[in-house]
Amino acid sequence: MRLFVGLGNPGAKYQGNRHNIGFMVLDEMARRHGFAPWRRRFQGETAEGTLERERVILLRPLTYMNDSGRSVQEAANFFKITPGEIAVFHDELELPAAKVRVKVGGGIAGHNGLRSISAHIGNEYRRVRIGIGHPGVKELVHNHVLSDFAKSDRPWVEALCEAISDNAGLIATDRDSTFQNKVHLTMQAKGFTTKDDNGIA
């Protein structure tokens, strides 16, 4: 069994924020793979289904970003899921827009959602880092993450959510490198490239 956590803030005013791309990815995943309807529990919302014959629980914490760890810990305890069986999908300032990287453990790079999760369950969970780009200067970061994606961003955001969702079974079965490559190639095929597309995704 796996727990896939999408990070974001609840409520309509945050719905289109860059900080909410984790929610967007899980919504697309639930749609594309025919997961059961969302239900309220664990201070969040969950949907259950299977990916590559692996049972997967999707979790959107509704505690606001800074307290995401409480919801994750409740769900993990209930299902007896270890940190190594948890994947957190979140926005990443340090990656170019539309880029995806996967890693286990590591730093939190100032991300309050990751800070909360690490405080509650430790650090050895998988992070699916979804690039939203950096505004260039530190003073603009807060407004950048809590602003909606621009209209011009929507095509790549939709394409990326679809590509991540279509290949999510690879994360559920620990094939992280294959997942990164497939998402990268899909985005490239759709014409969405970034300035560092010389390397692998």
C-alpha atoms as a PDB file:
ATOM      1  CA  MET A   1       0.000   0.000   0.000  1.00  0.00           C
ATOM      2  CA  ARG A   2       1.140   3.543  -0.775  1.00  0.00           C
ATOM      3  CA  LEU A   3       0.126   6.970   0.487  1.00  0.00           C
ATOM      4  CA  PHE A   4       0.333   9.756  -2.117  1.00  0.00           C
ATOM      5  CA  VAL A   5       0.081  13.209  -0.531  1.00  0.00           C
ATOM      6  CA  GLY A   6      -0.642  16.344  -2.569  1.00  0.00           C
ATOM      7  CA  LEU A   7       0.249  19.621  -0.864  1.00  0.00           C
ATOM      8  CA  GLY A   8      -1.810  22.776  -1.100  1.00  0.00           C
ATOM      9  CA  ASN A   9      -4.105  25.109   0.821  1.00  0.00           C
ATOM     10  CA  PRO A  10      -7.872  24.475   1.083  1.00  0.00           C
ATOM     11  CA  GLY A  11     -10.469  26.913  -0.202  1.00  0.00           C
ATOM     12  CA  ALA A  12     -11.459  28.484  -3.507  1.00  0.00           C
ATOM     13  CA  LYS A  13      -9.116  31.491  -3.190  1.00  0.00           C
ATOM     14  CA  TYR A  14      -6.050  29.204  -3.227  1.00  0.00           C
ATOM     15  CA  GLN A  15      -7.295  26.805  -5.884  1.00  0.00           C
ATOM     16  CA  GLY A  16      -5.214  28.131  -8.787  1.00  0.00           C
ATOM     17  CA  ASN A  17      -2.101  29.033  -6.743  1.00  0.00           C
ATOM     18  CA  ARG A  18       1.331  27.723  -7.713  1.00  0.00           C
ATOM     19  CA  HIS A  19       1.570  26.412  -4.124  1.00  0.00           C
ATOM     20  CA  ASN A  20      -1.420  24.153  -4.863  1.00  0.00           C
ATOM     21  CA  ILE A  21       0.030  22.146  -7.732  1.00  0.00           C
ATOM     22  CA  GLY A  22       0.160  19.097  -5.439  1.00  0.00           C
ATOM     23  CA  PHE A  23      -3.642  19.239  -5.098  1.00  0.00           C
ATOM     24  CA  MET A  24      -3.978  19.671  -8.879  1.00  0.00           C
ATOM     25  CA  VAL A  25      -1.870  16.587  -9.579  1.00  0.00           C
ATOM     26  CA  LEU A  26      -3.864  14.390  -7.169  1.00  0.00           C
ATOM     27  CA  ASP A  27      -7.179  15.607  -8.611  1.00  0.00           C
ATOM     28  CA  GLU A  28      -6.009  14.627 -12.092  1.00  0.00           C
ATOM     29  CA  MET A  29      -4.713  11.285 -10.819  1.00  0.00           C
ATOM     30  CA  ALA A  30      -8.041  10.445  -9.193  1.00  0.00           C
ATOM     31  CA  ARG A  31      -9.900  11.350 -12.411  1.00  0.00           C
ATOM     32  CA  ARG A  32      -7.630   9.523 -14.837  1.00  0.00           C
ATOM     33  CA  HIS A  33      -7.404   6.314 -12.837  1.00  0.00           C
ATOM     34  CA  GLY A  34     -11.025   6.077 -11.679  1.00  0.00           C
ATOM     35  CA  PHE A  35     -10.334   6.363  -7.945  1.00  0.00           C
ATOM     36  CA  ALA A  36     -13.247   6.181  -5.475  1.00  0.00           C
ATOM     37  CA  PRO A  37     -14.908   9.519  -4.611  1.00  0.00           C
ATOM     38  CA  TRP A  38     -13.074  11.834  -2.209  1.00  0.00           C
ATOM     39  CA  ARG A  39     -14.102  11.526   1.460  1.00  0.00           C
ATOM     40  CA  ARG A  40     -13.291  13.642   4.519  1.00  0.00           C
ATOM     41  CA  ARG A  41     -10.990  12.054   7.128  1.00  0.00           C
ATOM     42  CA  PHE A  42      -7.528  12.420   8.703  1.00  0.00           C
ATOM     43  CA  GLN A  43      -7.973  16.216   8.720  1.00  0.00           C
ATOM     44  CA  GLY A  44      -8.051  16.023   4.946  1.00  0.00           C
ATOM     45  CA  GLU A  45      -9.673  14.272   1.989  1.00  0.00           C
ATOM     46  CA  THR A  46      -8.784  10.844   0.671  1.00  0.00           C
ATOM     47  CA  ALA A  47      -9.545   8.839  -2.453  1.00  0.00           C
ATOM     48  CA  GLU A  48      -8.607   5.178  -2.877  1.00  0.00           C
ATOM     49  CA  GLY A  49      -7.676   3.184  -5.963  1.00  0.00           C
ATOM     50  CA  THR A  50      -4.970   1.053  -7.536  1.00  0.00           C
ATOM     51  CA  LEU A  51      -1.939   1.841  -9.686  1.00  0.00           C
ATOM     52  CA  GLU A  52       0.072  -1.020 -11.198  1.00  0.00           C
ATOM     53  CA  ARG A  53      -1.843  -3.434  -8.921  1.00  0.00           C
ATOM     54  CA  GLU A  54      -0.659  -1.464  -5.875  1.00  0.00           C
ATOM     55  CA  ARG A  55      -3.322  -0.066  -3.520  1.00  0.00           C
ATOM     56  CA  VAL A  56      -2.878   3.705  -3.307  1.00  0.00           C
ATOM     57  CA  ILE A  57      -4.466   6.214  -0.931  1.00  0.00           C
ATOM     58  CA  LEU A  58      -4.505   9.794  -2.209  1.00  0.00           C
ATOM     59  CA  LEU A  59      -4.495  12.418   0.556  1.00  0.00           C
ATOM     60  CA  ARG A  60      -5.102  16.157   0.325  1.00  0.00           C
ATOM     61  CA  PRO A  61      -4.473  17.670   3.813  1.00  0.00           C
ATOM     62  CA  LEU A  62      -7.011  20.374   4.649  1.00  0.00           C
ATOM     63  CA  THR A  63      -5.014  21.763   7.581  1.00  0.00           C
ATOM     64  CA  TYR A  64      -3.362  24.508   5.504  1.00  0.00           C
ATOM     65  CA  MET A  65       0.162  23.990   4.231  1.00  0.00           C
ATOM     66  CA  ASN A  66       2.028  24.726   7.469  1.00  0.00           C
ATOM     67  CA  ASP A  67       0.242  21.906   9.342  1.00  0.00           C
ATOM     68  CA  SER A  68       0.194  19.272   6.596  1.00  0.00           C
ATOM     69  CA  GLY A  69       2.168  16.846   8.760  1.00  0.00           C
ATOM     70  CA  ARG A  70      -0.703  16.316  11.202  1.00  0.00           C
ATOM     71  CA  SER A  71      -2.940  14.970   8.444  1.00  0.00           C
ATOM     72  CA  VAL A  72      -0.160  12.831   6.930  1.00  0.00           C
ATOM     73  CA  GLN A  73       0.736  11.326  10.307  1.00  0.00           C
ATOM     74  CA  GLU A  74      -2.905  10.425  11.055  1.00  0.00           C
ATOM     75  CA  ALA A  75      -3.335   8.659   7.723  1.00  0.00           C
ATOM     76  CA  ALA A  76       0.036   6.891   7.974  1.00  0.00           C
ATOM     77  CA  ASN A  77      -0.746   5.645  11.478  1.00  0.00           C
ATOM     78  CA  PHE A  78      -4.200   4.421  10.489  1.00  0.00           C
ATOM     79  CA  PHE A  79      -2.954   2.430   7.493  1.00  0.00           C
ATOM     80  CA  LYS A  80       0.355   1.449   9.172  1.00  0.00           C
ATOM     81  CA  ILE A  81       2.289   3.010   6.299  1.00  0.00           C
ATOM     82  CA  THR A  82       6.017   3.723   6.715  1.00  0.00           C
ATOM     83  CA  PRO A  83       7.714   6.923   5.466  1.00  0.00           C
ATOM     84  CA  GLY A  84       9.305   4.865   2.678  1.00  0.00           C
ATOM     85  CA  GLU A  85       5.794   4.115   1.341  1.00  0.00           C
ATOM     86  CA  ILE A  86       4.779   7.795   1.239  1.00  0.00           C
ATOM     87  CA  ALA A  87       5.219  10.096  -1.773  1.00  0.00           C
ATOM     88  CA  VAL A  88       4.601  13.838  -1.393  1.00  0.00           C
ATOM     89  CA  PHE A  89       3.784  15.860  -4.526  1.00  0.00           C
ATOM     90  CA  HIS A  90       4.720  19.508  -4.023  1.00  0.00           C
ATOM     91  CA  ASP A  91       5.733  22.762  -5.706  1.00  0.00           C
ATOM     92  CA  GLU A  92       9.471  23.394  -6.030  1.00  0.00           C
ATOM     93  CA  LEU A  93      10.876  26.914  -6.454  1.00  0.00           C
ATOM     94  CA  GLU A  94      14.378  25.682  -7.247  1.00  0.00           C
ATOM     95  CA  LEU A  95      13.292  23.805 -10.374  1.00  0.00           C
ATOM     96  CA  PRO A  96      12.416  25.473 -13.687  1.00  0.00           C
ATOM     97  CA  ALA A  97       8.693  25.543 -14.455  1.00  0.00           C
ATOM     98  CA  ALA A  98       7.378  22.208 -15.800  1.00  0.00           C
ATOM     99  CA  LYS A  99      10.410  20.226 -14.573  1.00  0.00           C
ATOM    100  CA  VAL A 100       9.993  17.223 -12.245  1.00  0.00           C
ATOM    101  CA  ARG A 101      12.501  15.520  -9.963  1.00  0.00           C
ATOM    102  CA  VAL A 102      12.042  12.684  -7.467  1.00  0.00           C
ATOM    103  CA  LYS A 103      14.170  12.115  -4.386  1.00  0.00           C
ATOM    104  CA  VAL A 104      13.962  10.342  -1.040  1.00  0.00           C
ATOM    105  CA  GLY A 105      14.881  12.352   2.044  1.00  0.00           C
ATOM    106  CA  GLY A 106      17.062  15.441   1.809  1.00  0.00           C
ATOM    107  CA  GLY A 107      16.446  19.036   2.804  1.00  0.00           C
ATOM    108  CA  ILE A 108      13.164  20.910   2.818  1.00  0.00           C
ATOM    109  CA  ALA A 109      14.433  24.040   0.982  1.00  0.00           C
ATOM    110  CA  GLY A 110      12.235  26.334   3.075  1.00  0.00           C
ATOM    111  CA  HIS A 111       9.002  24.532   2.116  1.00  0.00           C
ATOM    112  CA  ASN A 112       6.642  24.761   5.099  1.00  0.00           C
ATOM    113  CA  GLY A 113       4.579  21.754   4.038  1.00  0.00           C
ATOM    114  CA  LEU A 114       7.661  19.532   3.936  1.00  0.00           C
ATOM    115  CA  ARG A 115       8.889  21.007   7.231  1.00  0.00           C
ATOM    116  CA  SER A 116       5.625  20.004   8.913  1.00  0.00           C
ATOM    117  CA  ILE A 117       5.635  16.498   7.415  1.00  0.00           C
ATOM    118  CA  SER A 118       9.270  15.878   8.413  1.00  0.00           C
ATOM    119  CA  ALA A 119       8.485  17.054  11.956  1.00  0.00           C
ATOM    120  CA  HIS A 120       5.679  14.483  12.232  1.00  0.00           C
ATOM    121  CA  ILE A 121       6.966  11.401  10.396  1.00  0.00           C
ATOM    122  CA  GLY A 122      10.705  11.927   9.866  1.00  0.00           C
ATOM    123  CA  ASN A 123      12.530  12.740   6.665  1.00  0.00           C
ATOM    124  CA  GLU A 124      12.736   9.486   4.706  1.00  0.00           C
ATOM    125  CA  TYR A 125       9.687   9.883   2.482  1.00  0.00           C
ATOM    126  CA  ARG A 126       9.706  10.348  -1.285  1.00  0.00           C
ATOM    127  CA  ARG A 127       9.298  13.877  -2.663  1.00  0.00           C
ATOM    128  CA  VAL A 128       7.988  14.461  -6.169  1.00  0.00           C
ATOM    129  CA  ARG A 129       9.281  17.985  -6.755  1.00  0.00           C
ATOM    130  CA  ILE A 130       7.252  19.901  -9.343  1.00  0.00           C
ATOM    131  CA  GLY A 131       9.011  22.956 -10.740  1.00  0.00           C
ATOM    132  CA  ILE A 132       7.167  26.275 -10.589  1.00  0.00           C
ATOM    133  CA  GLY A 133      10.213  28.454 -11.270  1.00  0.00           C
ATOM    134  CA  HIS A 134      11.728  31.145  -9.055  1.00  0.00           C
ATOM    135  CA  PRO A 135      10.705  34.819  -9.288  1.00  0.00           C
ATOM    136  CA  GLY A 136      14.379  35.817  -9.188  1.00  0.00           C
ATOM    137  CA  VAL A 137      14.615  37.579  -5.837  1.00  0.00           C
ATOM    138  CA  LYS A 138      13.845  36.308  -2.350  1.00  0.00           C
ATOM    139  CA  GLU A 139      11.439  39.166  -1.546  1.00  0.00           C
ATOM    140  CA  LEU A 140       9.060  38.051  -4.319  1.00  0.00           C
ATOM    141  CA  VAL A 141       8.915  34.370  -3.325  1.00  0.00           C
ATOM    142  CA  HIS A 142       5.906  34.626  -0.989  1.00  0.00           C
ATOM    143  CA  ASN A 143       3.728  36.381  -3.582  1.00  0.00           C
ATOM    144  CA  HIS A 144       4.975  34.058  -6.324  1.00  0.00           C
ATOM    145  CA  VAL A 145       3.908  30.827  -4.623  1.00  0.00           C
ATOM    146  CA  LEU A 146       0.605  32.260  -3.373  1.00  0.00           C
ATOM    147  CA  SER A 147      -0.365  33.735  -6.752  1.00  0.00           C
ATOM    148  CA  ASP A 148      -2.309  31.879  -9.417  1.00  0.00           C
ATOM    149  CA  PHE A 149      -0.541  30.406 -12.403  1.00  0.00           C
ATOM    150  CA  ALA A 150      -0.650  32.891 -15.267  1.00  0.00           C
ATOM    151  CA  LYS A 151      -3.038  32.199 -18.121  1.00  0.00           C
ATOM    152  CA  SER A 152      -0.004  31.480 -20.325  1.00  0.00           C
ATOM    153  CA  ASP A 153       1.121  28.790 -17.839  1.00  0.00           C
ATOM    154  CA  ARG A 154      -2.088  26.781 -17.987  1.00  0.00           C
ATOM    155  CA  PRO A 155      -1.228  24.632 -21.031  1.00  0.00           C
ATOM    156  CA  TRP A 156       1.984  23.298 -19.463  1.00  0.00           C
ATOM    157  CA  VAL A 157       0.391  22.940 -16.024  1.00  0.00           C
ATOM    158  CA  GLU A 158      -2.409  20.799 -17.478  1.00  0.00           C
ATOM    159  CA  ALA A 159       0.029  18.785 -19.594  1.00  0.00           C
ATOM    160  CA  LEU A 160       2.315  18.192 -16.602  1.00  0.00           C
ATOM    161  CA  CYS A 161      -0.534  17.103 -14.307  1.00  0.00           C
ATOM    162  CA  GLU A 162      -1.622  14.639 -16.990  1.00  0.00           C
ATOM    163  CA  ALA A 163       1.910  13.314 -17.556  1.00  0.00           C
ATOM    164  CA  ILE A 164       2.529  12.832 -13.820  1.00  0.00           C
ATOM    165  CA  SER A 165      -0.855  11.132 -13.408  1.00  0.00           C
ATOM    166  CA  ASP A 166      -0.387   8.819 -16.387  1.00  0.00           C
ATOM    167  CA  ASN A 167       2.953   7.626 -15.013  1.00  0.00           C
ATOM    168  CA  ALA A 168       2.088   7.600 -11.303  1.00  0.00           C
ATOM    169  CA  GLY A 169       2.167   3.797 -11.207  1.00  0.00           C
ATOM    170  CA  LEU A 170       5.948   4.024 -11.615  1.00  0.00           C
ATOM    171  CA  ILE A 171       6.181   5.971  -8.345  1.00  0.00           C
ATOM    172  CA  ALA A 172       3.932   3.400  -6.653  1.00  0.00           C
ATOM    173  CA  THR A 173       6.371   0.662  -7.709  1.00  0.00           C
ATOM    174  CA  ASP A 174       9.619   2.500  -6.883  1.00  0.00           C
ATOM    175  CA  ARG A 175      10.701   3.172 -10.472  1.00  0.00           C
ATOM    176  CA  ASP A 176      11.582   6.806  -9.884  1.00  0.00           C
ATOM    177  CA  SER A 177      14.115   7.256 -12.694  1.00  0.00           C
ATOM    178  CA  THR A 178      11.762   5.742 -15.261  1.00  0.00           C
ATOM    179  CA  PHE A 179       8.997   8.048 -14.010  1.00  0.00           C
ATOM    180  CA  GLN A 180      11.216  11.131 -14.399  1.00  0.00           C
ATOM    181  CA  ASN A 181      12.265  10.148 -17.901  1.00  0.00           C
ATOM    182  CA  LYS A 182       8.738   9.356 -19.096  1.00  0.00           C
ATOM    183  CA  VAL A 183       7.335  12.646 -17.764  1.00  0.00           C
ATOM    184  CA  HIS A 184      10.245  14.535 -19.347  1.00  0.00           C
ATOM    185  CA  LEU A 185       9.774  12.853 -22.734  1.00  0.00           C
ATOM    186  CA  THR A 186       6.007  13.410 -22.655  1.00  0.00           C
ATOM    187  CA  MET A 187       6.466  17.127 -21.965  1.00  0.00           C
ATOM    188  CA  GLN A 188       9.107  17.390 -24.670  1.00  0.00           C
ATOM    189  CA  ALA A 189       6.822  15.647 -27.172  1.00  0.00           C
ATOM    190  CA  LYS A 190       4.080  18.181 -26.356  1.00  0.00           C
ATOM    191  CA  GLY A 191       6.473  21.053 -27.012  1.00  0.00           C
ATOM    192  CA  PHE A 192       7.043  22.125 -23.416  1.00  0.00           C
ATOM    193  CA  THR A 193      10.767  22.500 -22.860  1.00  0.00           C
ATOM    194  CA  THR A 194      12.836  24.294 -20.225  1.00  0.00           C
ATOM    195  CA  LYS A 195      16.229  25.944 -20.355  1.00  0.00           C
ATOM    196  CA  ASP A 196      17.991  22.897 -18.863  1.00  0.00           C
ATOM    197  CA  ASP A 197      16.433  20.284 -21.137  1.00  0.00           C
ATOM    198  CA  ASN A 198      19.868  19.020 -22.102  1.00  0.00           C
ATOM    199  CA  GLY A 199      19.898  16.784 -19.022  1.00  0.00           C
ATOM    200  CA  ILE A 200      17.430  14.088 -18.069  1.00  0.00           C
ATOM    201  CA  ALA A 201      14.145  15.094 -16.494  1.00  0.00           C
END
